[in-house]
All heavy atoms as atom14 arrays in JSON, in Angstrom:
{
  "sequence": "ELRLRVRNQFSAVNQWHTDAVYRALISAFPGVQSNGVYFEHGAPRGP",
  "atom14_mask": [
    [1, 1, 1, 1, 1, 1, 1, 1, 1, 0, 0, 0, 0, 0],
    [1, 1, 1, 1, 1, 1, 1, 1, 0, 0, 0, 0, 0, 0],
    [1, 1, 1, 1, 1, 1, 1, 1, 1, 1, 1, 0, 0, 0],
    [1, 1, 1, 1, 1, 1, 1, 1, 0, 0, 0, 0, 0, 0],
    [1, 1, 1, 1, 1, 1, 1, 1, 1, 1, 1, 0, 0, 0],
    [1, 1, 1, 1, 1, 1, 1, 0, 0, 0, 0, 0, 0, 0],
    [1, 1, 1, 1, 1, 1, 1, 1, 1, 1, 1, 0, 0, 0],
    [1, 1, 1, 1, 1, 1, 1, 1, 0, 0, 0, 0, 0, 0],
    [1, 1, 1, 1, 1, 1, 1, 1, 1, 0, 0, 0, 0, 0],
    [1, 1, 1, 1, 1, 1, 1, 1, 1, 1, 1, 0, 0, 0],
    [1, 1, 1, 1, 1, 1, 0, 0, 0, 0, 0, 0, 0, 0],
    [1, 1, 1, 1, 1, 0, 0, 0, 0, 0, 0, 0, 0, 0],
    [1, 1, 1, 1, 1, 1, 1, 0, 0, 0, 0, 0, 0, 0],
    [1, 1, 1, 1, 1, 1, 1, 1, 0, 0, 0, 0, 0, 0],
    [1, 1, 1, 1, 1, 1, 1, 1, 1, 0, 0, 0, 0, 0],
    [1, 1, 1, 1, 1, 1, 1, 1, 1, 1, 1, 1, 1, 1],
    [1, 1, 1, 1, 1, 1, 1, 1, 1, 1, 0, 0, 0, 0],
    [1, 1, 1, 1, 1, 1, 1, 0, 0, 0, 0, 0, 0, 0],
    [1, 1, 1, 1, 1, 1, 1, 1, 0, 0, 0, 0, 0, 0],
    [1, 1, 1, 1, 1, 0, 0, 0, 0, 0, 0, 0, 0, 0],
    [1, 1, 1, 1, 1, 1, 1, 0, 0, 0, 0, 0, 0, 0],
    [1, 1, 1, 1, 1, 1, 1, 1, 1, 1, 1, 1, 0, 0],
    [1, 1, 1, 1, 1, 1, 1, 1, 1, 1, 1, 0, 0, 0],
    [1, 1, 1, 1, 1, 0, 0, 0, 0, 0, 0, 0, 0, 0],
    [1, 1, 1, 1, 1, 1, 1, 1, 0, 0, 0, 0, 0, 0],
    [1, 1, 1, 1, 1, 1, 1, 1, 0, 0, 0, 0, 0, 0],
    [1, 1, 1, 1, 1, 1, 0, 0, 0, 0, 0, 0, 0, 0],
    [1, 1, 1, 1, 1, 0, 0, 0, 0, 0, 0, 0, 0, 0],
    [1, 1, 1, 1, 1, 1, 1, 1, 1, 1, 1, 0, 0, 0],
    [1, 1, 1, 1, 1, 1, 1, 0, 0, 0, 0, 0, 0, 0],
    [1, 1, 1, 1, 0, 0, 0, 0, 0, 0, 0, 0, 0, 0],
    [1, 1, 1, 1, 1, 1, 1, 0, 0, 0, 0, 0, 0, 0],
    [1, 1, 1, 1, 1, 1, 1, 1, 1, 0, 0, 0, 0, 0],
    [1, 1, 1, 1, 1, 1, 0, 0, 0, 0, 0, 0, 0, 0],
    [1, 1, 1, 1, 1, 1, 1, 1, 0, 0, 0, 0, 0, 0],
    [1, 1, 1, 1, 0, 0, 0, 0, 0, 0, 0, 0, 0, 0],
    [1, 1, 1, 1, 1, 1, 1, 0, 0, 0, 0, 0, 0, 0],
    [1, 1, 1, 1, 1, 1, 1, 1, 1, 1, 1, 1, 0, 0],
    [1, 1, 1, 1, 1, 1, 1, 1, 1, 1, 1, 0, 0, 0],
    [1, 1, 1, 1, 1, 1, 1, 1, 1, 0, 0, 0, 0, 0],
    [1, 1, 1, 1, 1, 1, 1, 1, 1, 1, 0, 0, 0, 0],
    [1, 1, 1, 1, 0, 0, 0, 0, 0, 0, 0, 0, 0, 0],
    [1, 1, 1, 1, 1, 0, 0, 0, 0, 0, 0, 0, 0, 0],
    [1, 1, 1, 1, 1, 1, 1, 0, 0, 0, 0, 0, 0, 0],
    [1, 1, 1, 1, 1, 1, 1, 1, 1, 1, 1, 0, 0, 0],
    [1, 1, 1, 1, 0, 0, 0, 0, 0, 0, 0, 0, 0, 0],
    [1, 1, 1, 1, 1, 1, 1, 0, 0, 0, 0, 0, 0, 0]
  ],
  "atom14_positions": [
    [[-88.97, -24.42, -117.8], [-89.06, -23.55, -118.97], [-88.29, -24.13, -120.15], [-88.76, -24.11, -121.3], [-88.53, -22.15, -118.62], [-89.4, -21.41, -117.6], [-88.72, -20.15, -117.09], [-87.65, -19.8, -117.62], [-89.26, -19.53, -116.16], [0.0, 0.0, 0.0], [0.0, 0.0, 0.0], [0.0, 0.0, 0.0], [0.0, 0.0, 0.0], [0.0, 0.0, 0.0]],
    [[-87.09, -24.64, -119.88], [-86.29, -25.25, -120.95], [-87.01, -26.48, -121.5], [-87.02, -26.73, -122.71], [-84.92, -25.64, -120.42], [-83.97, -26.32, -121.41], [-83.75, -25.46, -122.64], [-82.64, -26.66, -120.74], [0.0, 0.0, 0.0], [0.0, 0.0, 0.0], [0.0, 0.0, 0.0], [0.0, 0.0, 0.0], [0.0, 0.0, 0.0], [0.0, 0.0, 0.0]],
    [[-87.63, -27.25, -120.62], [-88.35, -28.45, -121.04], [-89.48, -28.09, -122.0], [-89.72, -28.79, -123.0], [-88.88, -29.17, -119.8], [-89.38, -30.57, -120.04], [-89.75, -31.25, -118.74], [-88.56, -31.63, -117.97], [-88.22, -31.1, -116.81], [-88.97, -30.17, -116.26], [-87.13, -31.5, -116.19], [0.0, 0.0, 0.0], [0.0, 0.0, 0.0], [0.0, 0.0, 0.0]],
    [[-90.17, -26.99, -121.72], [-91.24, -26.54, -122.62], [-90.69, -26.19, -124.0], [-91.29, -26.52, -125.03], [-91.95, -25.33, -122.02], [-92.99, -25.58, -120.93], [-93.47, -24.26, -120.35], [-94.16, -26.37, -121.48], [0.0, 0.0, 0.0], [0.0, 0.0, 0.0], [0.0, 0.0, 0.0], [0.0, 0.0, 0.0], [0.0, 0.0, 0.0], [0.0, 0.0, 0.0]],
    [[-89.54, -25.52, -124.03], [-88.97, -25.13, -125.33], [-88.47, -26.35, -126.1], [-88.55, -26.39, -127.33], [-87.85, -24.12, -125.13], [-88.34, -22.75, -124.67], [-87.38, -21.65, -125.06], [-86.08, -21.79, -124.44], [-84.93, -21.74, -125.1], [-84.92, -21.56, -126.4], [-83.78, -21.86, -124.46], [0.0, 0.0, 0.0], [0.0, 0.0, 0.0], [0.0, 0.0, 0.0]],
    [[-87.93, -27.34, -125.38], [-87.49, -28.55, -126.06], [-88.68, -29.29, -126.65], [-88.65, -29.75, -127.8], [-86.71, -29.46, -125.07], [-86.41, -30.81, -125.72], [-85.4, -28.79, -124.65], [0.0, 0.0, 0.0], [0.0, 0.0, 0.0], [0.0, 0.0, 0.0], [0.0, 0.0, 0.0], [0.0, 0.0, 0.0], [0.0, 0.0, 0.0], [0.0, 0.0, 0.0]],
    [[-89.75, -29.42, -125.88], [-90.96, -30.07, -126.4], [-91.5, -29.32, -127.61], [-91.94, -29.92, -128.6], [-92.03, -30.13, -125.31], [-91.74, -31.09, -124.18], [-92.88, -31.08, -123.18], [-94.12, -31.54, -123.78], [-95.31, -31.38, -123.22], [-95.42, -30.73, -122.06], [-96.39, -31.84, -123.8], [0.0, 0.0, 0.0], [0.0, 0.0, 0.0], [0.0, 0.0, 0.0]],
    [[-91.48, -27.99, -127.52], [-91.99, -27.18, -128.63], [-91.16, -27.39, -129.89], [-91.67, -27.32, -131.01], [-91.97, -25.71, -128.23], [-92.53, -24.81, -129.32], [-93.74, -24.75, -129.54], [-91.66, -24.11, -130.02], [0.0, 0.0, 0.0], [0.0, 0.0, 0.0], [0.0, 0.0, 0.0], [0.0, 0.0, 0.0], [0.0, 0.0, 0.0], [0.0, 0.0, 0.0]],
    [[-89.87, -27.68, -129.71], [-88.99, -27.85, -130.86], [-89.4, -29.05, -131.72], [-89.23, -29.03, -132.94], [-87.54, -28.01, -130.38], [-86.51, -27.79, -131.46], [-86.32, -26.31, -131.8], [-87.13, -25.46, -131.45], [-85.23, -26.01, -132.49], [0.0, 0.0, 0.0], [0.0, 0.0, 0.0], [0.0, 0.0, 0.0], [0.0, 0.0, 0.0], [0.0, 0.0, 0.0]],
    [[-89.95, -30.07, -131.1], [-90.41, -31.22, -131.87], [-91.6, -30.84, -132.76], [-91.74, -31.34, -133.87], [-90.8, -32.37, -130.94], [-89.62, -33.05, -130.3], [-89.25, -32.75, -129.01], [-88.88, -33.98, -131.01], [-88.16, -33.38, -128.42], [-87.78, -34.6, -130.43], [-87.42, -34.3, -129.13], [0.0, 0.0, 0.0], [0.0, 0.0, 0.0], [0.0, 0.0, 0.0]],
    [[-92.44, -29.92, -132.26], [-93.57, -29.45, -133.05], [-93.11, -28.51, -134.15], [-93.81, -28.32, -135.15], [-94.58, -28.73, -132.16], [-95.01, -29.56, -131.11], [0.0, 0.0, 0.0], [0.0, 0.0, 0.0], [0.0, 0.0, 0.0], [0.0, 0.0, 0.0], [0.0, 0.0, 0.0], [0.0, 0.0, 0.0], [0.0, 0.0, 0.0], [0.0, 0.0, 0.0]],
    [[-91.94, -27.89, -133.97], [-91.45, -26.88, -134.92], [-90.6, -27.46, -136.03], [-90.07, -26.73, -136.85], [-90.64, -25.83, -134.16], [0.0, 0.0, 0.0], [0.0, 0.0, 0.0], [0.0, 0.0, 0.0], [0.0, 0.0, 0.0], [0.0, 0.0, 0.0], [0.0, 0.0, 0.0], [0.0, 0.0, 0.0], [0.0, 0.0, 0.0], [0.0, 0.0, 0.0]],
    [[-90.49, -28.79, -136.08], [-89.54, -29.4, -137.01], [-89.9, -29.14, -138.47], [-89.03, -29.13, -139.33], [-89.45, -30.92, -136.73], [-90.73, -31.63, -137.12], [-88.24, -31.52, -137.43], [0.0, 0.0, 0.0], [0.0, 0.0, 0.0], [0.0, 0.0, 0.0], [0.0, 0.0, 0.0], [0.0, 0.0, 0.0], [0.0, 0.0, 0.0], [0.0, 0.0, 0.0]],
    [[-91.19, -28.89, -138.78], [-91.56, -28.67, -140.18], [-91.16, -27.29, -140.68], [-91.15, -27.05, -141.89], [-93.07, -28.84, -140.35], [-93.86, -27.83, -139.54], [-93.45, -27.48, -138.43], [-94.96, -27.36, -140.08], [0.0, 0.0, 0.0], [0.0, 0.0, 0.0], [0.0, 0.0, 0.0], [0.0, 0.0, 0.0], [0.0, 0.0, 0.0], [0.0, 0.0, 0.0]],
    [[-90.86, -26.35, -139.77], [-90.3, -25.03, -140.08], [-91.25, -24.04, -140.75], [-91.9, -24.35, -141.74], [-89.04, -25.17, -140.93], [-87.9, -25.87, -140.22], [-87.44, -25.17, -138.95], [-87.14, -23.99, -138.97], [-87.38, -25.9, -137.87], [0.0, 0.0, 0.0], [0.0, 0.0, 0.0], [0.0, 0.0, 0.0], [0.0, 0.0, 0.0], [0.0, 0.0, 0.0]],
    [[-91.31, -22.87, -140.17], [-91.8, -21.61, -140.72], [-93.31, -21.46, -140.95], [-93.74, -20.48, -141.51], [-91.11, -21.23, -142.03], [-89.62, -21.38, -142.04], [-88.87, -21.88, -143.05], [-88.7, -21.02, -141.02], [-87.55, -21.87, -142.74], [-87.42, -21.34, -141.46], [-88.82, -20.49, -139.74], [-86.28, -21.15, -140.72], [-87.67, -20.29, -138.99], [-86.43, -20.61, -139.48]],
    [[-94.13, -22.4, -140.59], [-95.54, -22.19, -140.87], [-96.46, -22.49, -139.69], [-97.68, -22.49, -139.86], [-95.98, -23.05, -142.07], [-95.39, -22.6, -143.37], [-94.15, -23.01, -143.79], [-95.86, -21.77, -144.32], [-93.88, -22.46, -144.97], [-94.89, -21.7, -145.31], [0.0, 0.0, 0.0], [0.0, 0.0, 0.0], [0.0, 0.0, 0.0], [0.0, 0.0, 0.0]],
    [[-95.94, -22.77, -138.53], [-96.79, -23.17, -137.42], [-96.55, -22.28, -136.21], [-95.52, -21.61, -136.09], [-96.53, -24.63, -137.02], [-95.19, -24.74, -136.52], [-96.71, -25.57, -138.2], [0.0, 0.0, 0.0], [0.0, 0.0, 0.0], [0.0, 0.0, 0.0], [0.0, 0.0, 0.0], [0.0, 0.0, 0.0], [0.0, 0.0, 0.0], [0.0, 0.0, 0.0]],
    [[-97.52, -22.33, -135.29], [-97.37, -21.61, -134.03], [-96.11, -22.05, -133.3], [-95.42, -21.23, -132.67], [-98.58, -21.85, -133.13], [-99.83, -21.16, -133.65], [-99.74, -20.43, -134.65], [-100.9, -21.36, -133.05], [0.0, 0.0, 0.0], [0.0, 0.0, 0.0], [0.0, 0.0, 0.0], [0.0, 0.0, 0.0], [0.0, 0.0, 0.0], [0.0, 0.0, 0.0]],
    [[-95.8, -23.34, -133.36], [-94.65, -23.86, -132.62], [-93.35, -23.22, -133.09], [-92.47, -22.9, -132.29], [-94.58, -25.38, -132.77], [0.0, 0.0, 0.0], [0.0, 0.0, 0.0], [0.0, 0.0, 0.0], [0.0, 0.0, 0.0], [0.0, 0.0, 0.0], [0.0, 0.0, 0.0], [0.0, 0.0, 0.0], [0.0, 0.0, 0.0], [0.0, 0.0, 0.0]],
    [[-93.23, -23.02, -134.39], [-92.01, -22.39, -134.93], [-91.89, -20.96, -134.44], [-90.83, -20.52, -133.96], [-92.03, -22.43, -136.47], [-90.84, -21.65, -137.03], [-91.98, -23.87, -136.95], [0.0, 0.0, 0.0], [0.0, 0.0, 0.0], [0.0, 0.0, 0.0], [0.0, 0.0, 0.0], [0.0, 0.0, 0.0], [0.0, 0.0, 0.0], [0.0, 0.0, 0.0]],
    [[-92.98, -20.21, -134.55], [-92.95, -18.82, -134.1], [-92.74, -18.73, -132.59], [-92.03, -17.86, -132.1], [-94.24, -18.1, -134.51], [-94.34, -17.88, -136.0], [-95.43, -18.36, -136.73], [-93.35, -17.19, -136.69], [-95.52, -18.16, -138.1], [-93.43, -16.99, -138.06], [-94.52, -17.48, -138.76], [-94.59, -17.28, -140.11], [0.0, 0.0, 0.0], [0.0, 0.0, 0.0]],
    [[-93.34, -19.65, -131.85], [-93.13, -19.66, -130.4], [-91.66, -19.89, -130.06], [-91.11, -19.27, -129.15], [-94.01, -20.72, -129.74], [-93.84, -20.78, -128.22], [-94.78, -21.78, -127.56], [-96.12, -21.21, -127.45], [-97.17, -21.59, -128.15], [-97.02, -22.55, -129.07], [-98.35, -21.04, -127.98], [0.0, 0.0, 0.0], [0.0, 0.0, 0.0], [0.0, 0.0, 0.0]],
    [[-91.02, -20.79, -130.8], [-89.6, -21.07, -130.56], [-88.75, -19.83, -130.83], [-87.83, -19.51, -130.07], [-89.15, -22.23, -131.45], [0.0, 0.0, 0.0], [0.0, 0.0, 0.0], [0.0, 0.0, 0.0], [0.0, 0.0, 0.0], [0.0, 0.0, 0.0], [0.0, 0.0, 0.0], [0.0, 0.0, 0.0], [0.0, 0.0, 0.0], [0.0, 0.0, 0.0]],
    [[-89.05, -19.1, -131.9], [-88.29, -17.9, -132.23], [-88.48, -16.81, -131.18], [-87.53, -16.16, -130.75], [-88.73, -17.37, -133.6], [-88.3, -18.18, -134.84], [-89.07, -17.71, -136.06], [-86.8, -18.04, -135.06], [0.0, 0.0, 0.0], [0.0, 0.0, 0.0], [0.0, 0.0, 0.0], [0.0, 0.0, 0.0], [0.0, 0.0, 0.0], [0.0, 0.0, 0.0]],
    [[-89.73, -16.62, -130.76], [-90.04, -15.54, -129.83], [-89.5, -15.84, -128.43], [-88.91, -14.98, -127.77], [-91.57, -15.28, -129.78], [-92.06, -14.83, -131.16], [-91.92, -14.25, -128.72], [-93.58, -14.84, -131.29], [0.0, 0.0, 0.0], [0.0, 0.0, 0.0], [0.0, 0.0, 0.0], [0.0, 0.0, 0.0], [0.0, 0.0, 0.0], [0.0, 0.0, 0.0]],
    [[-89.67, -17.08, -127.97], [-89.27, -17.42, -126.61], [-87.76, -17.54, -126.46], [-87.26, -17.7, -125.35], [-89.94, -18.73, -126.16], [-89.56, -19.81, -126.99], [0.0, 0.0, 0.0], [0.0, 0.0, 0.0], [0.0, 0.0, 0.0], [0.0, 0.0, 0.0], [0.0, 0.0, 0.0], [0.0, 0.0, 0.0], [0.0, 0.0, 0.0], [0.0, 0.0, 0.0]],
    [[-87.02, -17.47, -127.56], [-85.55, -17.47, -127.45], [-85.03, -16.15, -126.91], [-83.88, -16.07, -126.46], [-84.93, -17.75, -128.82], [0.0, 0.0, 0.0], [0.0, 0.0, 0.0], [0.0, 0.0, 0.0], [0.0, 0.0, 0.0], [0.0, 0.0, 0.0], [0.0, 0.0, 0.0], [0.0, 0.0, 0.0], [0.0, 0.0, 0.0], [0.0, 0.0, 0.0]],
    [[-85.86, -15.1, -126.9], [-85.44, -13.8, -126.38], [-85.53, -13.78, -124.85], [-86.46, -14.36, -124.28], [-86.32, -12.69, -126.96], [-85.98, -12.31, -128.38], [-86.42, -13.08, -129.45], [-85.21, -11.19, -128.64], [-86.09, -12.74, -130.75], [-84.88, -10.84, -129.94], [-85.32, -11.61, -131.0], [0.0, 0.0, 0.0], [0.0, 0.0, 0.0], [0.0, 0.0, 0.0]],
    [[-84.57, -13.12, -124.17], [-84.63, -13.03, -122.71], [-85.93, -12.39, -122.25], [-86.43, -11.44, -122.86], [-83.42, -12.14, -122.37], [-82.49, -12.29, -123.52], [-83.36, -12.48, -124.73], [0.0, 0.0, 0.0], [0.0, 0.0, 0.0], [0.0, 0.0, 0.0], [0.0, 0.0, 0.0], [0.0, 0.0, 0.0], [0.0, 0.0, 0.0], [0.0, 0.0, 0.0]],
    [[-86.47, -12.93, -121.17], [-87.69, -12.37, -120.59], [-88.97, -12.93, -121.16], [-90.06, -12.57, -120.7], [0.0, 0.0, 0.0], [0.0, 0.0, 0.0], [0.0, 0.0, 0.0], [0.0, 0.0, 0.0], [0.0, 0.0, 0.0], [0.0, 0.0, 0.0], [0.0, 0.0, 0.0], [0.0, 0.0, 0.0], [0.0, 0.0, 0.0], [0.0, 0.0, 0.0]],
    [[-88.86, -13.8, -122.17], [-90.04, -14.39, -122.81], [-90.05, -15.88, -122.53], [-89.07, -16.57, -122.8], [-90.07, -14.14, -124.32], [-91.34, -14.73, -124.93], [-89.97, -12.66, -124.63], [0.0, 0.0, 0.0], [0.0, 0.0, 0.0], [0.0, 0.0, 0.0], [0.0, 0.0, 0.0], [0.0, 0.0, 0.0], [0.0, 0.0, 0.0], [0.0, 0.0, 0.0]],
    [[-91.16, -16.39, -122.0], [-91.31, -17.81, -121.75], [-92.21, -18.44, -122.81], [-93.1, -17.78, -123.36], [-91.88, -18.06, -120.36], [-91.0, -17.54, -119.24], [-91.58, -17.8, -117.87], [-92.64, -18.41, -117.74], [-90.91, -17.32, -116.84], [0.0, 0.0, 0.0], [0.0, 0.0, 0.0], [0.0, 0.0, 0.0], [0.0, 0.0, 0.0], [0.0, 0.0, 0.0]],
    [[-92.0, -19.72, -123.07], [-92.79, -20.4, -124.1], [-94.28, -20.32, -123.82], [-95.09, -20.14, -124.72], [-92.36, -21.88, -124.2], [-91.09, -22.0, -124.77], [0.0, 0.0, 0.0], [0.0, 0.0, 0.0], [0.0, 0.0, 0.0], [0.0, 0.0, 0.0], [0.0, 0.0, 0.0], [0.0, 0.0, 0.0], [0.0, 0.0, 0.0], [0.0, 0.0, 0.0]],
    [[-94.65, -20.48, -122.53], [-96.07, -20.45, -122.19], [-96.59, -19.02, -122.03], [-97.73, -18.83, -121.61], [-96.34, -21.26, -120.92], [-95.55, -20.76, -119.73], [-94.77, -19.81, -119.84], [-95.74, -21.39, -118.58], [0.0, 0.0, 0.0], [0.0, 0.0, 0.0], [0.0, 0.0, 0.0], [0.0, 0.0, 0.0], [0.0, 0.0, 0.0], [0.0, 0.0, 0.0]],
    [[-95.77, -18.04, -122.38], [-96.21, -16.65, -122.33], [-96.45, -16.05, -123.7], [-96.52, -14.83, -123.84], [0.0, 0.0, 0.0], [0.0, 0.0, 0.0], [0.0, 0.0, 0.0], [0.0, 0.0, 0.0], [0.0, 0.0, 0.0], [0.0, 0.0, 0.0], [0.0, 0.0, 0.0], [0.0, 0.0, 0.0], [0.0, 0.0, 0.0], [0.0, 0.0, 0.0]],
    [[-96.56, -16.91, -124.72], [-96.81, -16.46, -126.09], [-98.19, -16.95, -126.52], [-98.47, -18.16, -126.48], [-95.74, -16.97, -127.07], [-96.01, -16.45, -128.48], [-94.34, -16.56, -126.6], [0.0, 0.0, 0.0], [0.0, 0.0, 0.0], [0.0, 0.0, 0.0], [0.0, 0.0, 0.0], [0.0, 0.0, 0.0], [0.0, 0.0, 0.0], [0.0, 0.0, 0.0]],
    [[-99.06, -16.03, -126.9], [-100.44, -16.35, -127.28], [-100.69, -15.88, -128.71], [-100.26, -14.78, -129.09], [-101.43, -15.67, -126.34], [-101.3, -16.1, -124.89], [-100.31, -15.55, -124.07], [-102.14, -17.05, -124.34], [-100.18, -15.94, -122.75], [-102.02, -17.45, -123.02], [-101.04, -16.89, -122.23], [-100.92, -17.28, -120.92], [0.0, 0.0, 0.0], [0.0, 0.0, 0.0]],
    [[-101.39, -16.7, -129.49], [-101.61, -16.39, -130.9], [-103.07, -16.04, -131.18], [-103.99, -16.62, -130.57], [-101.19, -17.57, -131.78], [-99.7, -17.82, -131.77], [-99.15, -18.75, -130.9], [-98.86, -17.11, -132.62], [-97.79, -18.98, -130.87], [-97.49, -17.34, -132.61], [-96.95, -18.27, -131.74], [0.0, 0.0, 0.0], [0.0, 0.0, 0.0], [0.0, 0.0, 0.0]],
    [[-103.24, -15.1, -132.07], [-104.57, -14.73, -132.56], [-104.59, -14.99, -134.07], [-103.85, -14.38, -134.84], [-104.87, -13.25, -132.28], [-106.24, -12.81, -132.78], [-106.48, -11.32, -132.6], [-105.48, -10.58, -132.47], [-107.64, -10.9, -132.59], [0.0, 0.0, 0.0], [0.0, 0.0, 0.0], [0.0, 0.0, 0.0], [0.0, 0.0, 0.0], [0.0, 0.0, 0.0]],
    [[-105.45, -15.92, -134.47], [-105.56, -16.28, -135.88], [-106.81, -15.61, -136.48], [-107.41, -14.74, -135.87], [-105.62, -17.8, -136.02], [-104.41, -18.5, -135.48], [-103.19, -18.45, -136.09], [-104.23, -19.24, -134.35], [-102.3, -19.15, -135.39], [-102.92, -19.64, -134.31], [0.0, 0.0, 0.0], [0.0, 0.0, 0.0], [0.0, 0.0, 0.0], [0.0, 0.0, 0.0]],
    [[-107.16, -16.03, -137.67], [-108.36, -15.49, -138.29], [-108.14, -14.2, -139.03], [-109.06, -13.39, -139.17], [0.0, 0.0, 0.0], [0.0, 0.0, 0.0], [0.0, 0.0, 0.0], [0.0, 0.0, 0.0], [0.0, 0.0, 0.0], [0.0, 0.0, 0.0], [0.0, 0.0, 0.0], [0.0, 0.0, 0.0], [0.0, 0.0, 0.0], [0.0, 0.0, 0.0]],
    [[-106.92, -13.97, -139.5], [-106.61, -12.78, -140.31], [-107.04, -11.48, -139.65], [-107.84, -10.72, -140.19], [-107.26, -12.91, -141.69], [0.0, 0.0, 0.0], [0.0, 0.0, 0.0], [0.0, 0.0, 0.0], [0.0, 0.0, 0.0], [0.0, 0.0, 0.0], [0.0, 0.0, 0.0], [0.0, 0.0, 0.0], [0.0, 0.0, 0.0], [0.0, 0.0, 0.0]],
    [[-106.52, -11.18, -138.44], [-106.94, -9.96, -137.75], [-106.53, -8.68, -138.46], [-107.12, -7.63, -138.24], [-106.24, -10.08, -136.39], [-105.05, -10.96, -136.64], [-105.52, -11.94, -137.67], [0.0, 0.0, 0.0], [0.0, 0.0, 0.0], [0.0, 0.0, 0.0], [0.0, 0.0, 0.0], [0.0, 0.0, 0.0], [0.0, 0.0, 0.0], [0.0, 0.0, 0.0]],
    [[-105.49, -8.75, -139.32], [-105.04, -7.56, -140.05], [-105.09, -7.78, -141.57], [-104.38, -7.14, -142.31], [-103.62, -7.19, -139.62], [-103.52, -6.67, -138.19], [-102.08, -6.45, -137.73], [-101.39, -7.73, -137.58], [-100.52, -8.22, -138.44], [-100.2, -7.53, -139.52], [-99.94, -9.4, -138.23], [0.0, 0.0, 0.0], [0.0, 0.0, 0.0], [0.0, 0.0, 0.0]],
    [[-105.94, -8.71, -141.99], [-106.06, -8.97, -143.41], [-105.59, -10.38, -143.75], [-105.06, -11.11, -142.9], [0.0, 0.0, 0.0], [0.0, 0.0, 0.0], [0.0, 0.0, 0.0], [0.0, 0.0, 0.0], [0.0, 0.0, 0.0], [0.0, 0.0, 0.0], [0.0, 0.0, 0.0], [0.0, 0.0, 0.0], [0.0, 0.0, 0.0], [0.0, 0.0, 0.0]],
    [[-105.77, -10.82, -145.01], [-105.41, -12.19, -145.42], [-103.95, -12.52, -145.11], [-103.05, -11.72, -145.35], [-105.66, -12.16, -146.93], [-106.67, -11.08, -147.13], [-106.37, -10.04, -146.1], [0.0, 0.0, 0.0], [0.0, 0.0, 0.0], [0.0, 0.0, 0.0], [0.0, 0.0, 0.0], [0.0, 0.0, 0.0], [0.0, 0.0, 0.0], [0.0, 0.0, 0.0]]
  ]
}
């Protein structure tokens, strides 16, 4: 699990606009694993 978060951190280096960044923020909480975060794009709640 830690290895997944470390790998994700390399994808998150550009900061604040990618799935990798949001995954890193969310999976830092207890009980949440990096591979347990799924994204839905396409403006599901508006632009």
